[in-house]
Structures are given as C-alpha cells and as structure tokens.
Amino acid sequence: MEPLDYQKAGVRYDMLDAFKRECQRFAATTTGVLAAHGFSEPASIRGESAYLIETPGEYLAHVEEGLGTKNLVADAMKKLGRQPKGGDFYFNIGIDTVATIVNDLITTGAAPISVAMHAAVGDSSWFGDSARAQSLAEGFAQGCLRAGAVWGGGETPALKGIIEPDAIVLAGSAIGRITPKTNRIAGDIRDGDAIVLIASSGVHTNGLTLCRALADRLPQGYLTPIGDGRAYGEALLDPSEIYAKFVARCQQRAIPLRYAVHVTGHGWRKLMRLEQPFVYRMTDLGTPHPIFSTIAAAAGLDAREMYATFNMGAGFAVFVPAADAAACVAVAAEQGQRAWVGGTAHRDGARKAVELAPLHITFEADSLQVR
C-alpha cells in the first residue's frame, strides 16, 4: 500500500506557509499605528507563535488559533456508539481548543488572562444535541481553569453553505500579559543551552487530517486496538496538555526561559523556529506514545516523516542554561508533567538545523519556512 503522508492527506504546508509569510509582510505595514496608542512592536516578533505589544510597563500578548479537525474523530466515535463513561468526547475537545490557543500564547512568557471561543456551525441545530453542547462548554471552561485564565466570551455563527449542516469549526483567541518585562521569553538562546522537552498526552491537535484518513486503512477503523489496549479513536481523543502553569512556575523560580516552542504543525522542525541560526542537537528523544506506532505502521511512514509531522511524545520545549535544566525538569514534575533534557543548542556559523542524533535524521533550515 502506498505511504500516506500529510501532503497526500490534503495538507500542503508549502502553500499554507507561503500565505502566512505574505500575511506577515503586509501586517508589518500596519505596525506604525501602535505609536498613536503609545505602544510599540518588539523586534522579530513577526513569525513567532503569538504577537506582542510593548507598553511602557509591560507586554500585552495576543493569539488566535483553531482546533483543526480533531472534533471529526469525536463525531465518528459517537456514531460508532463509543463515548467515555458517563460523558461525551466533546469535553476533551473543549480542553483541546483552549490548549491549542494558550500553548501558543505562553511561548512568549505571557500569562493567559482571557480566552474566547469561536464556534461556527453549518446549522444551528448542531446545538440541539444538548449533551454534546454542554460537554463542549464544560470542557472549554475546564481548559481555561487549567490555563489559569477566564473564559471571556465568544461567537457562535451559523454559516449555512460554508460548513456542513452537522459540523462545527472550533477556534478562539486569547490575551495575556508579561509583567515584569523581564519575564518575556525573547529568544536569546546561547551556545550550549539545554533543550528541555515536556511530554505530550498523545497526538494533541496536530496531524488529525492524516490520522482520520488512516482510519480507513485499519482493520476495525477507529475501533482498532492499539498498543496500549485502547481503540485507535479513543487514543486520538486524549485531551492535550496545557503548559501555562509550568511556564508560570519556572518564572516564579527565576529559571531563565530563553526560548519556548509549542510542538504542533511541522513536528520537531518547530524546534528551529527562532530566527537566529542554531543547530539543535537532540540526543534523548523520549518514548513516543503507542498511538504513534499505529500511525506510522498504518500510513507506511518512516521516522523522518513522523518527526516532521507529529509531536512524537513532546508537546512543548523550553531552552534554558544547562545549569538550570534539572530545576526545569523538577518544575514540570510538580505540575504532574513529565519532562527530560532532550538535547542542546549549538552555534555552527550560519547553519540552522535540527539533528535527531539517535535516528541519524537531520532537518535543515529550508524544511521550515514559517517566516
């Protein structure tokens, strides 16, 4: 059977990233209006996971993100009669929606303040399933609590003719603040810094278009057992980790977070998102969850393609001085999150790359074009 990668599943990062770069180019032409408010834009913020505005006393952070297609797995499992005991998988989907928003925001060092939901449906009858709608709302609220943020509002448009009648498209935005200004994660990586990886709970919200396509290749579809004894669809719907409290606690402990990456689209290539050139040499890749072995086998993908697409067990990364790495790992453990020192950042002239040493895999700079 022919391998099924992310592009063949219908997601073309080259096209998506080209549009993002074009947006950055035109967005930069609007920066001057900040002066009228007494604000300014920090250098090199364009192309990062969240946008910052510098005020005289602090930074304000803003981000907008979308869940993607993970909720379609929840829909499929419901049709198959499989739901979590006494609940609905849309509770997890609510958490996921907050996670994908907030985990981008905190890469700047911002503390989330308010999160808003955007829930667009093809027909207002989607909300007629009261158990599903309540589970989504309850899960979104739970995600906000885990992030330490208030659920501030949202929008629920019915977009007949754009979205299928029985479908919902979930997204949202968040605002946060960085105070004092020294809490900003500014990307000042230095030669020899440690890269601490914080574990994911599974697939999180990236790569679901490919994961959904794979269901047709599995003998029992979404109900196919995987390595941990659960059904494939159940494992896909594990709620994402939220790393906001981990970042906040590191700041409270005065652990210098020099850079942070939310490992989502583009997989481990995201480790080289910073504009400055470094070689990120990863020596401990951790142990991927069983769901990733199932995906690789069903899709016929090698390790290179898997690490270029999925988080492979690492949902967040922070770059800290080597002397602070152990303290950083300990902070994660206090939050109930597993972390480990995955590698180090090195200067190698103008070269930018991610090297996965145990697998002899290298991603050069041209494999990530988000700026």
Protein backbone atom coordinates (compact mmCIF):
# COMPACT_ATOMS: atom_id res chain seq x y z
CA MET A 1 0.00 0.00 0.00
CA GLU A 2 1.30 3.46 -0.90
CA PRO A 3 2.53 5.54 2.08
CA LEU A 4 0.13 8.24 3.22
CA ASP A 5 1.93 11.39 4.34
CA TYR A 6 0.43 14.71 5.43
CA GLN A 7 0.58 16.21 1.95
CA LYS A 8 -1.23 13.25 0.40
CA ALA A 9 -3.83 13.53 3.14
CA GLY A 10 -4.58 17.02 1.84
CA VAL A 11 -2.42 19.39 3.89
CA ARG A 12 0.20 21.36 1.95
CA TYR A 13 2.46 23.24 4.38
CA ASP A 14 4.32 24.85 1.49
CA MET A 15 1.13 26.62 0.42
CA LEU A 16 -0.05 27.40 3.95
CA ASP A 17 3.33 28.79 4.99
CA ALA A 18 3.65 30.88 1.83
CA PHE A 19 0.37 32.60 2.67
CA LYS A 20 1.46 33.10 6.29
CA ARG A 21 4.67 34.78 5.12
CA GLU A 22 2.67 37.03 2.78
CA CYS A 23 0.39 37.97 5.68
CA GLN A 24 3.42 38.82 7.82
CA ARG A 25 4.73 41.06 5.05
CA PHE A 26 1.52 43.08 4.80
CA ALA A 27 0.88 43.00 8.55
CA ALA A 28 4.24 44.69 9.11
CA THR A 29 2.97 47.71 7.14
CA THR A 30 0.44 48.38 9.91
CA THR A 31 2.90 48.47 12.80
CA GLY A 32 3.17 52.26 12.78
CA VAL A 33 -0.36 52.72 14.13
CA LEU A 34 0.81 51.46 17.53
CA ALA A 35 2.62 54.76 18.14
CA ALA A 36 -0.71 56.59 18.36
CA HIS A 37 -1.51 54.47 21.39
CA GLY A 38 1.89 54.97 22.97
CA PHE A 39 2.84 51.38 22.21
CA SER A 40 5.46 49.66 20.04
CA GLU A 41 6.21 46.30 18.48
CA PRO A 42 9.16 44.24 19.75
CA ALA A 43 11.76 43.34 17.14
CA SER A 44 11.46 39.94 15.44
CA ILE A 45 8.03 39.15 16.87
CA ARG A 46 6.55 38.56 13.41
CA GLY A 47 6.69 34.83 12.68
CA GLU A 48 6.54 33.76 16.31
CA SER A 49 3.62 31.80 17.77
CA ALA A 50 1.99 34.86 19.38
CA TYR A 51 2.04 38.60 18.87
CA LEU A 52 3.37 41.06 21.45
CA ILE A 53 2.72 44.74 22.01
CA GLU A 54 5.15 46.64 24.21
CA THR A 55 3.66 49.19 26.60
CA PRO A 56 5.62 51.44 28.97
CA GLY A 57 5.18 48.99 31.86
CA GLU A 58 4.56 45.54 30.37
CA TYR A 59 3.97 43.48 27.27
CA LEU A 60 0.49 42.53 26.04
CA ALA A 61 0.17 39.24 24.17
CA HIS A 62 -2.47 38.15 21.68
CA VAL A 63 -3.06 34.98 19.70
CA GLU A 64 -5.76 33.36 17.58
CA GLU A 65 -5.76 29.63 16.84
CA GLY A 66 -8.00 26.89 15.51
CA LEU A 67 -8.59 23.36 16.72
CA GLY A 68 -8.39 21.76 13.28
CA THR A 69 -10.31 18.59 12.53
CA LYS A 70 -9.97 16.61 15.78
CA ASN A 71 -13.68 17.05 16.57
CA LEU A 72 -14.50 14.95 13.49
CA VAL A 73 -12.96 11.98 15.30
CA ALA A 74 -15.30 12.66 18.22
CA ASP A 75 -18.22 12.71 15.78
CA ALA A 76 -17.13 9.39 14.27
CA MET A 77 -16.76 7.72 17.67
CA LYS A 78 -20.24 8.88 18.68
CA LYS A 79 -21.71 7.32 15.54
CA LEU A 80 -19.93 4.10 16.49
CA GLY A 81 -21.54 4.19 19.91
CA ARG A 82 -18.27 4.76 21.76
CA GLN A 83 -18.16 7.52 24.35
CA PRO A 84 -16.26 7.95 27.60
CA LYS A 85 -18.13 6.52 30.58
CA GLY A 86 -20.85 8.92 31.65
CA GLY A 87 -19.73 11.64 29.27
CA ASP A 88 -19.07 12.86 25.76
CA PHE A 89 -15.76 13.20 23.91
CA TYR A 90 -16.60 16.84 23.25
CA PHE A 91 -15.48 17.55 26.83
CA ASN A 92 -11.95 16.64 25.68
CA ILE A 93 -12.44 18.67 22.51
CA GLY A 94 -13.20 21.74 24.63
CA ILE A 95 -9.93 21.29 26.51
CA ASP A 96 -8.10 20.76 23.22
CA THR A 97 -9.42 24.01 21.79
CA VAL A 98 -8.12 26.00 24.75
CA ALA A 99 -4.82 24.12 24.71
CA THR A 100 -4.03 24.88 21.09
CA ILE A 101 -4.64 28.60 21.75
CA VAL A 102 -2.97 29.01 25.12
CA ASN A 103 0.09 26.87 24.40
CA ASP A 104 0.96 29.29 21.60
CA LEU A 105 0.42 32.34 23.80
CA ILE A 106 2.74 31.17 26.58
CA THR A 107 5.71 30.71 24.26
CA THR A 108 6.27 34.46 24.72
CA GLY A 109 6.25 34.17 28.51
CA ALA A 110 2.76 35.66 28.74
CA ALA A 111 0.34 34.69 31.48
CA PRO A 112 -3.07 33.98 29.89
CA ILE A 113 -5.79 36.34 31.10
CA SER A 114 -8.82 35.76 28.89
CA VAL A 115 -9.76 33.15 26.28
CA ALA A 116 -12.62 33.49 23.78
CA MET A 117 -14.35 30.70 21.85
CA HIS A 118 -15.33 30.86 18.18
CA ALA A 119 -17.74 28.02 17.40
CA ALA A 120 -19.01 28.18 13.81
CA VAL A 121 -21.64 25.67 12.71
CA GLY A 122 -23.27 24.77 9.43
CA ASP A 123 -26.69 24.80 11.05
CA SER A 124 -27.89 25.99 14.46
CA SER A 125 -29.38 22.53 15.02
CA TRP A 126 -25.85 21.38 15.94
CA PHE A 127 -26.51 22.80 19.40
CA GLY A 128 -29.73 20.75 19.64
CA ASP A 129 -27.68 17.83 20.98
CA SER A 130 -27.67 19.26 24.48
CA ALA A 131 -25.33 16.62 25.95
CA ARG A 132 -22.72 17.31 23.29
CA ALA A 133 -23.06 21.09 23.53
CA GLN A 134 -22.85 21.02 27.32
CA SER A 135 -19.77 18.78 27.22
CA LEU A 136 -18.05 21.18 24.82
CA ALA A 137 -18.82 24.17 27.05
CA GLU A 138 -17.77 22.32 30.20
CA GLY A 139 -14.53 21.18 28.59
CA PHE A 140 -13.72 24.68 27.34
CA ALA A 141 -14.24 26.02 30.86
CA GLN A 142 -12.03 23.28 32.28
CA GLY A 143 -9.30 24.16 29.75
CA CYS A 144 -9.45 27.80 30.85
CA LEU A 145 -9.12 26.78 34.50
CA ARG A 146 -6.09 24.62 33.68
CA ALA A 147 -4.57 27.61 31.89
CA GLY A 148 -5.33 29.99 34.75
CA ALA A 149 -7.48 32.19 32.50
CA VAL A 150 -11.06 33.43 32.44
CA TRP A 151 -13.39 32.41 29.62
CA GLY A 152 -14.21 35.89 28.43
CA GLY A 153 -16.75 35.37 25.64
CA GLY A 154 -17.01 34.17 22.08
CA GLU A 155 -19.07 33.90 18.91
CA THR A 156 -21.37 31.18 17.50
CA PRO A 157 -22.13 31.95 13.84
CA ALA A 158 -24.29 29.65 11.73
CA LEU A 159 -22.60 29.53 8.32
CA LYS A 160 -25.00 27.64 6.09
CA GLY A 161 -23.44 26.80 2.74
CA ILE A 162 -19.89 27.17 4.05
CA ILE A 163 -19.85 24.49 6.75
CA GLU A 164 -21.66 21.15 6.54
CA PRO A 165 -25.00 21.16 8.41
CA ASP A 166 -23.86 18.65 11.05
CA ALA A 167 -20.37 20.11 11.56
CA ILE A 168 -18.70 22.63 13.86
CA VAL A 169 -15.45 24.53 13.34
CA LEU A 170 -13.78 25.43 16.63
CA ALA A 171 -11.24 28.17 17.17
CA GLY A 172 -10.60 31.06 19.50
CA SER A 173 -8.29 33.74 20.76
CA ALA A 174 -6.53 34.72 23.95
CA ILE A 175 -4.93 37.74 25.50
CA GLY A 176 -2.21 37.74 28.13
CA ARG A 177 0.36 39.95 29.77
CA ILE A 178 4.03 39.79 30.61
CA THR A 179 4.89 41.56 33.82
CA PRO A 180 7.52 42.30 34.80
CA LYS A 181 9.01 42.74 31.37
CA THR A 182 11.92 40.51 32.35
CA ASN A 183 9.53 37.53 32.17
CA ARG A 184 9.44 37.84 28.40
CA ILE A 185 10.76 34.79 26.57
CA ALA A 186 12.71 36.73 23.99
CA GLY A 187 14.66 34.11 22.05
CA ASP A 188 18.09 34.91 23.44
CA ILE A 189 19.41 31.34 23.08
CA ARG A 190 23.11 30.87 23.76
CA ASP A 191 25.61 28.27 22.71
CA GLY A 192 25.32 25.20 24.95
CA ASP A 193 21.82 25.89 26.24
CA ALA A 194 19.81 22.81 27.21
CA ILE A 195 16.58 21.89 25.44
CA VAL A 196 14.05 20.57 27.94
CA LEU A 197 11.12 18.65 26.45
CA ILE A 198 7.80 18.39 28.27
CA ALA A 199 5.72 15.36 27.41
CA SER A 200 2.55 15.46 25.38
CA SER A 201 -0.50 13.37 26.25
CA GLY A 202 -0.61 11.95 22.74
CA VAL A 203 -1.32 13.38 19.30
CA HIS A 204 -2.78 16.64 20.72
CA THR A 205 -4.35 18.67 17.85
CA ASN A 206 -1.86 18.33 15.00
CA GLY A 207 -1.89 15.82 12.16
CA LEU A 208 -5.54 14.84 12.60
CA THR A 209 -6.30 15.11 8.88
CA LEU A 210 -3.79 12.32 8.31
CA CYS A 211 -4.99 10.38 11.37
CA ARG A 212 -8.59 10.46 10.11
CA ALA A 213 -7.56 9.25 6.67
CA LEU A 214 -5.76 6.32 8.29
CA ALA A 215 -8.95 5.04 9.90
CA ASP A 216 -9.94 3.61 6.51
CA ARG A 217 -6.72 1.57 6.41
CA LEU A 218 -7.14 -0.01 9.84
CA PRO A 219 -8.94 -3.37 10.13
CA GLN A 220 -11.58 -2.06 12.55
CA GLY A 221 -11.31 1.62 11.70
CA TYR A 222 -11.43 3.86 14.75
CA LEU A 223 -12.19 0.83 16.91
CA THR A 224 -8.91 -0.92 16.04
CA PRO A 225 -6.97 -1.75 19.24
CA ILE A 226 -3.55 -0.10 19.57
CA GLY A 227 -0.52 -0.97 21.70
CA ASP A 228 -1.99 0.20 25.00
CA GLY A 229 -5.17 -1.86 24.56
CA ARG A 230 -7.46 1.07 23.75
CA ALA A 231 -9.24 1.79 20.49
CA TYR A 232 -7.46 3.98 17.94
CA GLY A 233 -10.18 6.63 18.10
CA GLU A 234 -10.10 6.78 21.89
CA ALA A 235 -6.34 7.36 21.91
CA LEU A 236 -6.65 10.13 19.31
CA LEU A 237 -9.11 11.92 21.58
CA ASP A 238 -6.90 12.16 24.67
CA PRO A 239 -7.08 15.85 25.71
CA SER A 240 -3.99 17.97 25.09
CA GLU A 241 -1.66 19.03 27.87
CA ILE A 242 -1.72 22.71 28.81
CA TYR A 243 1.69 24.08 29.82
CA ALA A 244 0.75 27.52 31.17
CA LYS A 245 1.29 26.70 34.83
CA PHE A 246 4.64 25.08 34.05
CA VAL A 247 5.86 28.31 32.41
CA ALA A 248 4.50 30.43 35.26
CA ARG A 249 6.20 28.31 37.90
CA CYS A 250 9.53 28.47 36.05
CA GLN A 251 9.21 32.25 36.07
CA GLN A 252 8.41 32.25 39.79
CA ARG A 253 11.52 30.16 40.42
CA ALA A 254 13.61 32.59 38.32
CA ILE A 255 14.56 29.85 35.85
CA PRO A 256 15.72 31.73 32.71
CA LEU A 257 13.49 30.57 29.86
CA ARG A 258 15.38 31.79 26.81
CA TYR A 259 13.01 30.38 24.20
CA ALA A 260 9.90 28.20 24.09
CA VAL A 261 8.25 26.18 21.35
CA HIS A 262 4.78 24.66 21.15
CA VAL A 263 5.44 21.45 19.19
CA THR A 264 2.50 21.31 16.80
CA GLY A 265 2.48 21.73 13.00
CA HIS A 266 5.80 20.80 11.38
CA GLY A 267 6.60 18.46 14.27
CA TRP A 268 10.13 18.64 15.67
CA ARG A 269 11.19 21.01 12.90
CA LYS A 270 9.50 23.66 15.05
CA LEU A 271 12.50 23.50 17.41
CA MET A 272 14.33 25.79 14.95
CA ARG A 273 11.57 28.39 14.71
CA LEU A 274 13.82 31.11 16.16
CA GLU A 275 15.13 33.48 13.50
CA GLN A 276 18.77 33.26 14.66
CA PRO A 277 20.83 30.30 13.42
CA PHE A 278 21.48 27.43 15.82
CA VAL A 279 21.91 23.69 15.45
CA TYR A 280 19.57 21.89 17.83
CA ARG A 281 21.20 18.54 18.57
CA MET A 282 18.68 16.17 20.15
CA THR A 283 20.19 13.19 21.95
CA ASP A 284 17.22 11.91 24.00
CA LEU A 285 14.00 11.68 22.02
CA GLY A 286 11.99 10.16 24.83
CA THR A 287 9.46 7.36 24.26
CA PRO A 288 6.59 8.10 21.85
CA HIS A 289 3.09 7.00 22.85
CA PRO A 290 1.75 3.75 21.29
CA ILE A 291 -0.60 5.77 19.07
CA PHE A 292 2.38 6.98 17.04
CA SER A 293 3.50 3.42 16.26
CA THR A 294 -0.01 2.69 15.00
CA ILE A 295 0.02 5.79 12.80
CA ALA A 296 3.46 5.02 11.37
CA ALA A 297 2.60 1.41 10.55
CA ALA A 298 -0.80 2.18 9.01
CA ALA A 299 0.49 5.13 6.97
CA GLY A 300 3.74 3.44 5.94
CA LEU A 301 5.75 6.41 7.21
CA ASP A 302 9.37 6.32 8.30
CA ALA A 303 10.76 8.05 11.39
CA ARG A 304 11.77 11.13 9.43
CA GLU A 305 8.24 11.81 8.22
CA MET A 306 6.76 11.08 11.64
CA TYR A 307 9.03 13.55 13.43
CA ALA A 308 8.42 16.11 10.67
CA THR A 309 4.66 15.93 11.28
CA PHE A 310 3.82 14.89 14.85
CA ASN A 311 4.94 15.83 18.36
CA MET A 312 6.08 12.22 18.94
CA GLY A 313 5.58 12.50 22.69
CA ALA A 314 6.99 16.01 23.25
CA GLY A 315 4.34 18.73 23.28
CA PHE A 316 6.41 21.68 24.47
CA ALA A 317 10.07 22.65 24.61
CA VAL A 318 11.97 25.28 26.57
CA PHE A 319 15.56 26.39 26.12
CA VAL A 320 17.41 27.12 29.35
CA PRO A 321 21.01 27.43 30.60
CA ALA A 322 22.42 23.93 31.11
CA ALA A 323 22.81 24.61 34.84
CA ASP A 324 19.03 25.19 35.14
CA ALA A 325 17.86 22.14 33.19
CA ALA A 326 17.39 19.86 36.22
CA ALA A 327 15.36 22.52 38.03
CA CYS A 328 13.20 22.92 34.94
CA VAL A 329 12.51 19.16 34.82
CA ALA A 330 11.61 19.25 38.51
CA VAL A 331 9.10 22.08 37.98
CA ALA A 332 7.32 20.02 35.32
CA ALA A 333 7.11 17.08 37.73
CA GLU A 334 5.49 19.35 40.33
CA GLN A 335 2.78 20.10 37.75
CA GLY A 336 2.27 16.39 37.07
CA GLN A 337 4.02 16.64 33.70
CA ARG A 338 6.96 14.50 32.61
CA ALA A 339 9.99 16.34 31.27
CA TRP A 340 13.54 15.48 30.28
CA VAL A 341 16.64 17.08 28.80
CA GLY A 342 16.34 16.29 25.12
CA GLY A 343 19.45 17.97 23.74
CA THR A 344 21.44 21.17 23.38
CA ALA A 345 21.62 24.21 21.13
CA HIS A 346 24.93 24.96 19.41
CA ARG A 347 26.34 27.70 17.23
CA ASP A 348 27.68 26.45 13.91
CA GLY A 349 28.22 29.59 11.87
CA ALA A 350 25.11 30.49 9.88
CA ARG A 351 23.75 26.94 9.89
CA LYS A 352 20.27 26.26 11.26
CA ALA A 353 19.15 22.66 11.70
CA VAL A 354 17.52 20.11 13.98
CA GLU A 355 19.55 16.92 14.40
CA LEU A 356 17.87 13.83 15.85
CA ALA A 357 21.11 12.05 16.69
CA PRO A 358 19.73 8.61 17.76
CA LEU A 359 17.88 8.30 14.45
CA HIS A 360 20.55 9.92 12.24
CA ILE A 361 17.91 12.34 10.95
CA THR A 362 18.61 16.00 10.18
CA PHE A 363 16.14 18.72 9.25
CA GLU A 364 17.92 21.64 7.63
CA ALA A 365 16.65 25.24 7.71
CA ASP A 366 14.88 25.02 4.34
CA SER A 367 12.47 22.41 5.76
CA LEU A 368 10.78 25.06 7.95
CA GLN A 369 9.61 28.21 6.17
CA VAL A 370 7.26 29.91 8.65
CA ARG A 371 8.89 33.36 8.46
